[in-house]
Protein backbone atom coordinates (compact mmCIF):
# COMPACT_ATOMS: atom_id res chain seq x y z
CA MET A 1 18.21 -48.22 12.71
CA GLY A 2 17.42 -47.84 8.87
CA ARG A 3 17.28 -44.61 6.96
CA MET A 4 14.09 -42.45 7.32
CA PRO A 5 12.14 -41.91 4.25
CA VAL A 6 12.45 -38.62 2.63
CA PHE A 7 9.44 -36.66 2.25
CA SER A 8 8.91 -35.23 -1.20
CA PRO A 9 5.53 -33.78 -1.93
CA MET A 10 4.59 -33.51 -5.52
CA ILE A 11 4.33 -29.94 -6.61
CA ASP A 12 3.14 -28.60 -10.03
CA ARG A 13 5.99 -26.23 -10.76
CA SER A 14 3.90 -24.53 -13.50
CA ALA A 15 1.31 -23.12 -11.05
CA ARG A 16 1.88 -19.64 -9.88
CA PRO A 17 1.61 -18.93 -6.14
CA GLY A 18 -1.26 -16.61 -6.49
CA ASN A 19 -3.38 -19.36 -8.25
CA PHE A 20 -3.60 -21.38 -5.20
CA LEU A 21 -5.99 -19.28 -3.64
CA GLY A 22 -8.14 -18.54 -6.66
CA PRO A 23 -8.37 -15.15 -8.58
CA SER A 24 -6.96 -12.11 -6.75
CA LEU A 25 -9.04 -9.24 -5.40
CA ARG A 26 -7.86 -7.24 -8.52
CA GLU A 27 -8.99 -9.80 -10.85
CA ARG A 28 -12.43 -10.33 -9.29
CA SER A 29 -13.10 -6.53 -8.78
CA GLY A 30 -10.87 -4.38 -10.89
CA PHE A 31 -9.69 -2.84 -7.68
CA ARG A 32 -6.25 -0.92 -8.13
CA LEU A 33 -4.35 0.15 -5.01
CA GLY A 34 -2.46 2.75 -6.82
CA VAL A 35 -5.63 4.72 -7.61
CA LEU A 36 -7.25 4.11 -4.23
CA GLY A 37 -4.06 4.68 -2.28
CA GLY A 38 -3.38 8.21 -4.08
CA TRP A 39 -6.91 9.23 -3.49
CA LEU A 40 -6.67 8.17 0.17
CA GLU A 41 -3.44 9.87 0.72
CA ARG A 42 -4.64 13.14 -0.75
CA GLN A 43 -7.66 12.93 1.61
CA MET A 44 -5.57 12.28 4.62
CA ILE A 45 -3.27 15.26 3.70
CA ARG A 46 -6.14 17.60 3.16
CA GLU A 47 -7.72 16.62 6.46
CA ALA A 48 -4.39 17.10 8.33
CA LEU A 49 -3.92 20.50 6.84
CA GLU A 50 -7.49 21.54 7.73
CA LYS A 51 -7.09 20.32 11.39
CA THR A 52 -3.87 22.36 11.79
CA GLY A 53 -5.00 25.58 10.18
CA PHE A 54 -2.83 24.83 7.18
CA ASN A 55 0.37 24.50 9.16
CA GLN A 56 2.49 22.11 7.13
CA THR A 57 4.82 21.34 10.12
CA GLN A 58 1.96 20.32 12.35
CA ALA A 59 0.24 18.49 9.42
CA ALA A 60 3.48 16.61 8.89
CA GLY A 61 3.53 15.52 12.43
CA LEU A 62 -0.02 14.37 12.34
CA LEU A 63 0.69 12.26 9.41
CA GLY A 64 3.98 10.78 10.68
CA LEU A 65 5.76 12.37 7.87
CA GLY A 66 8.89 14.70 7.79
CA GLU A 67 8.36 18.20 6.47
CA ARG A 68 10.17 17.58 3.19
CA MET A 69 8.13 14.43 2.39
CA LEU A 70 4.99 16.39 3.14
CA ARG A 71 6.18 19.00 0.75
CA TYR A 72 6.87 16.53 -1.92
CA LYS A 73 3.45 15.02 -1.60
CA LEU A 74 1.91 18.52 -1.75
CA LYS A 75 3.61 19.16 -4.91
CA LYS A 76 2.87 15.55 -6.33
CA TYR A 77 -0.81 15.97 -5.74
CA GLY A 78 -0.93 19.52 -6.90
CA PHE A 79 -1.88 21.29 -3.62
CA LYS A 80 -1.65 25.00 -3.64
């Protein structure tokens, strides 16, 4: 048998991977995950605290966080 031909597709190496699918969601809408993520996280913490009567240990459990991480986030977001 002879050698099998080697498949070598032509790839434009100058193209960025994100460009294959067109503009990203951020480019189309101005969406920024960091801003929304912080807002959403604050809301989830506030709701967990309200549901637990502001018991941090129970709120951390509801959120799937350790108590130290919850305390860090409370400080980060300026909860009193």
